[in-house]
Protein backbone atom coordinates (compact mmCIF):
# COMPACT_ATOMS: atom_id res chain seq x y z
CA MET A 1 -97.47 -129.23 -67.60
CA GLY A 2 -100.78 -130.04 -67.29
CA ILE A 3 -101.11 -131.16 -70.66
CA ALA A 4 -97.73 -132.96 -70.40
CA LEU A 5 -99.33 -135.66 -67.14
CA LEU A 6 -102.14 -136.24 -69.70
CA SER A 7 -100.63 -137.54 -72.08
CA PHE A 8 -97.63 -138.84 -70.65
CA PRO A 9 -99.44 -142.62 -70.21
CA LEU A 10 -100.00 -142.07 -74.26
CA LYS A 11 -96.75 -141.84 -75.66
CA VAL A 12 -95.67 -144.77 -73.16
CA SER A 13 -98.38 -146.55 -74.91
CA ALA A 14 -97.71 -145.33 -78.78
CA PHE A 15 -93.74 -146.00 -78.14
CA GLY A 16 -93.50 -149.20 -76.26
CA THR A 17 -91.47 -147.62 -73.48
CA PHE A 18 -91.47 -145.58 -69.88
CA SER A 19 -88.06 -143.80 -71.35
CA ALA A 20 -88.84 -143.29 -74.52
CA ALA A 21 -92.26 -141.30 -73.47
CA ILE A 22 -89.59 -139.15 -71.02
CA VAL A 23 -87.54 -138.18 -73.36
CA LEU A 24 -90.12 -137.46 -75.81
CA THR A 25 -91.84 -134.99 -73.08
CA LEU A 26 -88.63 -133.40 -72.18
CA PHE A 27 -88.70 -132.14 -76.03
CA ARG A 28 -91.91 -131.89 -77.28
CA GLU A 29 -93.50 -130.60 -74.52
CA PRO A 30 -91.17 -126.96 -73.93
CA LEU A 31 -91.88 -126.41 -78.13
CA ALA A 32 -95.04 -127.21 -77.94
CA LEU A 33 -95.04 -124.66 -74.89
CA LEU A 34 -93.54 -121.84 -77.15
CA MET A 35 -95.14 -122.52 -80.19
CA THR A 36 -98.24 -121.49 -78.30
CA SER A 37 -97.12 -118.52 -76.96
CA GLY A 38 -96.41 -117.88 -80.15
CA PHE A 39 -99.65 -118.57 -81.15
CA ARG A 40 -100.83 -116.42 -78.27
CA LEU A 41 -98.98 -113.39 -79.40
CA ILE A 42 -100.47 -113.40 -83.12
CA PHE A 43 -103.89 -114.00 -81.74
CA GLN A 44 -103.41 -110.60 -79.41
CA ARG A 45 -101.35 -108.76 -82.57
CA LEU A 46 -104.86 -109.77 -84.79
CA GLU A 47 -107.32 -108.92 -81.49
CA ARG A 48 -105.99 -105.49 -81.59
CA ARG A 49 -106.43 -104.93 -85.46
CA SER A 50 -109.55 -106.17 -86.18
CA GLY A 51 -111.27 -107.69 -82.67
CA SER A 52 -112.78 -110.73 -85.17
CA LEU A 53 -113.22 -114.01 -83.90
CA LEU A 54 -113.55 -115.49 -87.30
CA ARG A 55 -110.13 -113.98 -88.44
CA ARG A 56 -108.63 -115.96 -85.48
CA VAL A 57 -110.24 -119.03 -85.58
CA LEU A 58 -109.33 -118.84 -89.67
CA TRP A 59 -105.47 -117.80 -88.65
CA SER A 60 -105.61 -120.83 -86.31
CA MET A 61 -105.88 -123.50 -89.10
CA PRO A 62 -102.84 -123.19 -91.17
CA MET A 63 -100.65 -122.29 -87.63
CA CYS A 64 -102.27 -125.74 -86.41
CA LEU A 65 -101.12 -127.30 -89.32
CA LEU A 66 -97.75 -125.92 -88.60
CA ALA A 67 -97.00 -126.55 -85.73
CA ALA A 68 -97.72 -129.81 -85.77
CA ALA A 69 -95.27 -130.25 -89.16
CA VAL A 70 -92.56 -128.68 -86.61
CA ASP A 71 -93.72 -130.95 -83.56
CA LEU A 72 -93.71 -133.70 -86.01
CA ALA A 73 -89.99 -133.27 -88.30
CA VAL A 74 -88.50 -132.85 -83.68
CA GLY A 75 -90.30 -135.67 -82.99
CA LEU A 76 -88.71 -138.07 -85.08
CA ALA A 77 -85.53 -135.90 -85.21
CA VAL A 78 -85.71 -136.92 -81.36
CA THR A 79 -86.54 -140.72 -82.56
CA SER A 80 -83.22 -141.27 -84.47
CA THR A 81 -81.55 -139.78 -82.17
CA PHE A 82 -81.73 -141.31 -79.23
CA ASN A 83 -83.01 -144.02 -81.28
CA LEU A 84 -86.83 -144.71 -80.46
CA ALA A 85 -89.05 -146.24 -81.90
CA LEU A 86 -92.14 -144.57 -83.79
CA PRO A 87 -95.50 -144.56 -82.41
CA SER A 88 -97.48 -147.36 -82.95
CA TYR A 89 -100.15 -145.41 -84.64
CA GLY A 90 -97.48 -144.04 -87.52
CA ILE A 91 -96.07 -141.03 -88.96
CA GLY A 92 -99.15 -140.33 -89.84
CA GLY A 93 -101.37 -140.65 -86.91
CA PHE A 94 -98.75 -139.08 -85.07
CA PHE A 95 -99.28 -135.67 -87.28
CA TYR A 96 -103.01 -135.23 -86.99
CA PHE A 97 -103.14 -136.35 -83.78
CA ARG A 98 -101.12 -132.77 -82.99
CA VAL A 99 -103.29 -131.24 -85.40
CA LEU A 100 -106.21 -132.19 -83.09
CA LEU A 101 -103.49 -130.95 -80.16
CA TYR A 102 -102.94 -127.31 -81.45
CA CYS A 103 -107.00 -127.50 -82.46
CA GLY A 104 -108.09 -128.22 -79.04
CA TRP A 105 -105.56 -125.85 -77.44
CA CYS A 106 -106.68 -122.76 -79.11
CA SER A 107 -110.66 -124.05 -78.88
CA ALA A 108 -109.69 -123.71 -75.59
CA TYR A 109 -107.81 -120.31 -75.37
CA PHE A 110 -110.49 -118.22 -77.40
CA LEU A 111 -112.70 -120.28 -75.10
CA ILE A 112 -111.11 -118.71 -72.31
CA LYS A 113 -110.28 -115.48 -73.30
CA GLU A 114 -114.37 -114.70 -75.19
CA TYR A 115 -115.93 -115.86 -71.76
CA THR A 116 -113.08 -113.76 -70.08
CA LYS A 117 -114.41 -111.01 -71.89
CA ALA A 118 -117.86 -111.15 -71.96
CA ARG A 119 -117.84 -110.82 -67.43
CA LEU A 120 -115.84 -108.43 -67.81
CA ALA A 121 -118.41 -106.25 -69.70
CA GLN A 122 -121.22 -107.74 -67.68
CA LEU A 123 -119.34 -106.36 -64.90
CA ALA A 124 -118.12 -103.38 -67.11
CA LEU A 125 -121.70 -102.71 -67.49
CA VAL A 126 -123.33 -103.78 -63.81
CA GLN A 127 -120.65 -100.57 -62.39
CA ALA A 128 -122.06 -98.26 -65.25
CA GLU A 129 -125.90 -99.21 -64.17
CA ALA A 130 -123.98 -98.51 -60.34
CA SER A 131 -123.44 -95.66 -61.45
CA ALA A 132 -126.34 -94.68 -63.06
CA ARG A 133 -128.07 -94.96 -60.43
CA GLU A 134 -126.57 -93.31 -58.11
CA ALA A 135 -126.70 -90.49 -60.26
CA GLU A 136 -130.41 -90.94 -60.73
CA VAL A 137 -130.65 -91.43 -57.16
CA LEU A 138 -128.85 -87.75 -56.49
CA MET A 139 -130.20 -86.51 -58.78
CA LEU A 140 -134.01 -87.03 -57.62
CA ARG A 141 -132.36 -85.90 -53.84
CA ALA A 142 -131.45 -82.83 -55.05
CA GLN A 143 -135.51 -82.45 -56.41
CA VAL A 144 -136.68 -82.11 -52.77
CA SER A 145 -135.57 -78.64 -50.99
CA PRO A 146 -137.10 -77.08 -48.83
CA HIS A 147 -139.70 -74.67 -49.86
CA PHE A 148 -140.66 -73.58 -46.39
CA LEU A 149 -137.05 -71.09 -45.85
CA PHE A 150 -138.49 -68.49 -47.66
CA ASN A 151 -141.43 -68.41 -45.18
CA ALA A 152 -138.91 -69.47 -42.62
CA PHE A 153 -137.41 -65.91 -42.55
CA ASN A 154 -140.98 -64.00 -43.23
CA THR A 155 -141.46 -65.01 -39.32
CA ILE A 156 -138.51 -64.42 -38.25
CA LEU A 157 -138.50 -61.24 -39.30
CA ALA A 158 -142.51 -60.31 -38.26
CA ASP A 159 -141.63 -62.42 -34.30
CA LEU A 160 -138.61 -60.30 -34.54
CA GLU A 161 -141.16 -57.01 -32.28
CA SER A 162 -144.20 -59.18 -31.67
CA ARG A 163 -142.46 -62.13 -29.91
CA PRO A 164 -138.45 -61.58 -29.66
CA ALA A 165 -138.43 -64.88 -27.30
CA ALA A 166 -139.97 -66.94 -29.82
CA VAL A 167 -136.73 -65.89 -32.44
CA ALA A 168 -134.17 -67.96 -30.59
CA PRO A 169 -135.97 -71.48 -30.91
CA LEU A 170 -136.80 -70.82 -34.20
CA VAL A 171 -133.59 -70.33 -35.23
CA GLN A 172 -131.89 -72.76 -34.11
CA GLY A 173 -134.75 -75.02 -35.25
CA LEU A 174 -134.02 -73.77 -38.84
CA SER A 175 -130.11 -73.84 -38.22
CA ASP A 176 -130.58 -77.67 -37.00
CA TYR A 177 -132.44 -78.86 -39.84
CA PHE A 178 -129.43 -76.91 -41.90
CA ARG A 179 -127.30 -78.62 -40.95
CA TYR A 180 -128.24 -81.89 -41.26
CA SER A 181 -129.17 -81.29 -44.91
CA LEU A 182 -125.53 -79.76 -45.58
CA THR A 183 -123.84 -82.68 -43.43
CA ASN A 184 -126.11 -85.42 -46.04
CA SER A 185 -126.15 -84.08 -49.51
CA HIS A 186 -123.70 -86.37 -50.54
CA ARG A 187 -124.97 -89.08 -48.52
CA THR A 188 -127.39 -92.03 -50.11
CA PHE A 189 -127.66 -93.72 -47.18
CA VAL A 190 -128.71 -92.24 -43.63
CA THR A 191 -130.77 -93.33 -39.71
CA ILE A 192 -133.38 -93.29 -39.67
CA GLY A 193 -132.81 -91.04 -35.84
CA ASP A 194 -131.12 -88.51 -37.71
CA GLU A 195 -133.72 -88.33 -40.07
CA PHE A 196 -136.53 -87.95 -37.93
CA ASP A 197 -134.85 -85.43 -35.85
CA ALA A 198 -134.16 -83.73 -38.57
CA ILE A 199 -137.83 -83.68 -39.39
CA VAL A 200 -138.75 -82.54 -35.63
CA SER A 201 -136.46 -79.41 -36.30
CA TYR A 202 -138.40 -78.72 -39.89
CA LEU A 203 -141.38 -78.90 -38.52
CA ALA A 204 -140.89 -76.73 -35.25
CA VAL A 205 -140.08 -74.36 -38.02
CA SER A 206 -143.30 -74.76 -39.17
CA LYS A 207 -144.85 -74.85 -35.83
CA ALA A 208 -143.68 -70.65 -35.28
CA ARG A 209 -144.97 -69.72 -38.23
CA PHE A 210 -148.50 -71.45 -38.17
CA ARG A 211 -148.72 -71.41 -34.12
CA GLU A 212 -152.14 -73.08 -32.50
CA SER A 213 -153.88 -73.33 -36.27
CA LEU A 214 -151.43 -76.73 -36.31
CA LEU A 215 -151.05 -79.59 -33.85
CA ILE A 216 -148.16 -81.91 -34.41
CA GLU A 217 -147.21 -85.38 -33.08
CA CYS A 218 -143.86 -86.89 -33.98
CA SER A 219 -142.57 -90.87 -32.26
CA ILE A 220 -139.77 -92.96 -32.71
CA ASP A 221 -139.44 -96.21 -31.77
CA PRO A 222 -135.60 -96.01 -30.56
CA ALA A 223 -134.08 -99.54 -31.07
CA VAL A 224 -135.02 -98.76 -35.30
CA ARG A 225 -133.44 -95.37 -34.74
CA ALA A 226 -130.00 -97.44 -36.21
CA VAL A 227 -132.13 -98.67 -39.47
CA LYS A 228 -131.16 -96.52 -42.74
CA VAL A 229 -132.82 -94.85 -44.85
CA PRO A 230 -132.92 -92.94 -48.09
CA GLY A 231 -132.08 -89.17 -46.91
CA VAL A 232 -134.88 -86.69 -47.29
CA CYS A 233 -137.34 -89.25 -47.24
CA LEU A 234 -139.33 -87.94 -44.33
CA GLN A 235 -139.15 -83.85 -45.56
CA PRO A 236 -141.60 -84.24 -48.73
CA LEU A 237 -143.92 -85.95 -47.00
CA VAL A 238 -144.15 -83.69 -44.11
CA GLU A 239 -144.35 -80.94 -46.98
CA ASN A 240 -147.23 -82.35 -48.54
CA ALA A 241 -148.91 -82.82 -45.15
CA LEU A 242 -147.66 -79.01 -44.85
CA LEU A 243 -149.71 -78.19 -48.08
CA TYR A 244 -152.47 -80.32 -49.27
CA GLY A 245 -153.87 -80.48 -45.05
CA HIS A 246 -153.89 -76.30 -45.02
CA GLN A 247 -155.70 -76.76 -47.95
CA THR A 248 -158.94 -79.26 -47.27
CA SER A 249 -158.12 -79.29 -43.32
CA GLU A 250 -160.33 -77.16 -40.93
CA THR A 251 -158.24 -75.72 -38.46
CA PRO A 252 -156.26 -77.14 -36.11
CA LEU A 253 -154.53 -78.60 -39.09
CA ARG A 254 -152.96 -81.88 -37.03
CA ILE A 255 -150.24 -83.84 -38.21
CA TRP A 256 -148.91 -87.16 -37.53
CA VAL A 257 -145.56 -89.20 -37.92
CA GLU A 258 -144.11 -92.65 -36.81
CA VAL A 259 -141.42 -94.46 -36.94
CA LYS A 260 -141.39 -97.99 -36.04
CA SER A 261 -140.82 -102.05 -36.28
CA ALA A 262 -143.47 -104.61 -36.62
CA ASP A 263 -142.93 -107.50 -35.43
CA GLY A 264 -139.03 -107.25 -35.56
CA VAL A 265 -138.88 -107.51 -39.72
CA ALA A 266 -139.92 -104.02 -40.68
CA LEU A 267 -139.65 -99.95 -40.93
CA ILE A 268 -142.76 -98.39 -41.39
CA VAL A 269 -142.43 -95.06 -42.04
CA ARG A 270 -145.67 -93.01 -41.52
CA VAL A 271 -147.17 -89.51 -42.07
CA THR A 272 -150.97 -88.39 -41.81
CA ASN A 273 -152.36 -85.22 -41.84
CA SER A 274 -156.37 -84.64 -41.52
CA GLY A 275 -157.88 -83.56 -44.14
CA ARG A 276 -158.99 -84.53 -47.53
CA TRP A 277 -157.23 -87.43 -50.53
CA VAL A 278 -156.54 -84.20 -52.98
CA ASP A 279 -158.00 -84.98 -56.49
CA ARG A 280 -154.57 -84.66 -59.55
CA HIS A 281 -157.79 -82.72 -61.07
CA GLU A 282 -158.37 -80.50 -58.27
CA PRO A 283 -156.84 -76.99 -58.08
CA ARG A 284 -153.31 -76.83 -56.57
CA PRO A 285 -151.53 -74.17 -54.16
CA GLN A 286 -150.19 -71.46 -56.55
CA GLY A 287 -146.12 -72.42 -57.12
CA HIS A 288 -146.21 -76.28 -56.31
CA SER A 289 -146.25 -79.68 -58.20
CA ARG A 290 -149.23 -81.67 -57.48
CA GLY A 291 -147.70 -84.81 -55.87
CA HIS A 292 -143.44 -84.20 -56.85
CA GLY A 293 -142.14 -84.67 -53.03
CA LEU A 294 -144.32 -88.44 -53.82
CA THR A 295 -143.04 -89.65 -56.64
CA THR A 296 -140.08 -88.51 -56.24
CA LEU A 297 -139.76 -90.18 -53.09
CA ARG A 298 -141.14 -92.98 -55.06
CA ARG A 299 -139.05 -93.45 -57.65
CA ARG A 300 -136.43 -93.53 -55.20
CA LEU A 301 -137.55 -96.76 -53.60
CA GLU A 302 -137.95 -97.69 -56.65
CA LEU A 303 -133.73 -97.85 -57.63
CA LEU A 304 -132.92 -98.40 -54.14
CA TYR A 305 -135.44 -101.25 -52.85
CA PRO A 306 -136.65 -103.09 -56.22
CA GLU A 307 -139.09 -104.65 -54.63
CA THR A 308 -137.91 -104.81 -51.16
CA HIS A 309 -140.10 -102.19 -50.16
CA VAL A 310 -143.72 -100.99 -50.06
CA LEU A 311 -145.36 -97.64 -50.77
CA THR A 312 -149.20 -96.95 -50.01
CA ALA A 313 -150.76 -93.16 -50.13
CA GLY A 314 -154.29 -92.13 -50.24
CA PRO A 315 -157.61 -91.23 -47.79
CA ASP A 316 -158.48 -92.58 -44.86
CA GLU A 317 -162.32 -93.06 -44.63
CA GLY A 318 -162.93 -93.38 -40.67
CA THR A 319 -160.77 -90.93 -39.65
CA GLY A 320 -161.12 -88.43 -42.40
CA SER A 321 -157.50 -88.31 -42.32
CA VAL A 322 -155.51 -89.08 -45.20
CA SER A 323 -151.90 -90.70 -45.03
CA VAL A 324 -149.14 -92.04 -46.88
CA GLN A 325 -147.13 -95.09 -45.58
CA PHE A 326 -143.59 -96.99 -46.91
CA LYS A 327 -142.25 -100.13 -45.10
CA LEU A 328 -138.66 -101.55 -45.98
CA LEU A 329 -136.48 -104.76 -44.06
CA ALA A 330 -135.67 -103.68 -41.07
CA ALA A 331 -135.36 -104.58 -37.12
CA THR A 332 -142.06 -100.88 -30.66
CA GLU A 333 -142.98 -97.63 -30.10
CA GLY A 334 -142.21 -94.46 -28.65
CA ALA A 335 -143.51 -91.95 -26.35
CA PRO A 336 -144.66 -88.93 -28.39
CA CYS A 337 -143.44 -85.89 -28.80
CA THR A 338 -145.95 -83.13 -29.20
CA LEU A 339 -145.13 -79.87 -30.50
């Protein structure tokens, strides 16, 4: 339809009358539609056989010549039947014009087809990369496991005889933490409020084990509780704080967990422990791989927030403590809860 409308003024100019242009349009444009539909079927079959664009282009050349010849024959028959004058550019010009028209259709077909294929391939690649990224995120997340489970059971067994009243809150904290872990095991993102509550339960279990040798402060800004974060992002930081804090800190070990906003534009999560920074060359506690939790979190943040996060870790010489902090794009400080 578009070609018929665009070429109609040319027909009027070539054949001299409006009526001749209408008659030729009624006969030739449906014929052109039929032949180009045939072209499309042939090109599709050639693509299924070899997929070669060059082969289809080579086939299009004789096809365009043949189609132009058929078009010429029909055009001459129409002009003869309706006593129409021949075009001003002659029979040869008529033929070559139709060849160029069919070649233009083929070129447009190839361009659109290849562009569509490229877009679909790009979309498939993006989907594959997204799937691979999600799988890697889940794999990295699965590497973070609660090492304190066995110690928690031992603490429960020890307290059953000496401090039976302390067992109930310990079991409750353990239950709350693992309920959270199971409920959110397949979720890439959770709210920082739920994550914070889970880590308070986690620390309550650790507090029951270490008692007065462990002091904990946790605070969260209520305004940021709904901010989404990667699941199990606090636990590896707290786990490292407990592990290396007990290795390097004077008793009691102090741990601070702080979640807040800054100027309403960033979520700041900071875990601090008393003690000193453990160099990678120093001996590590038996049964633990060095930097595993921090490395895993760093990788997850890189996957989920490429170039939109900041993670820092190291000693604070002024306070004699160690801090790990990460910032995410997000939303004023809540009252601390002390364990």
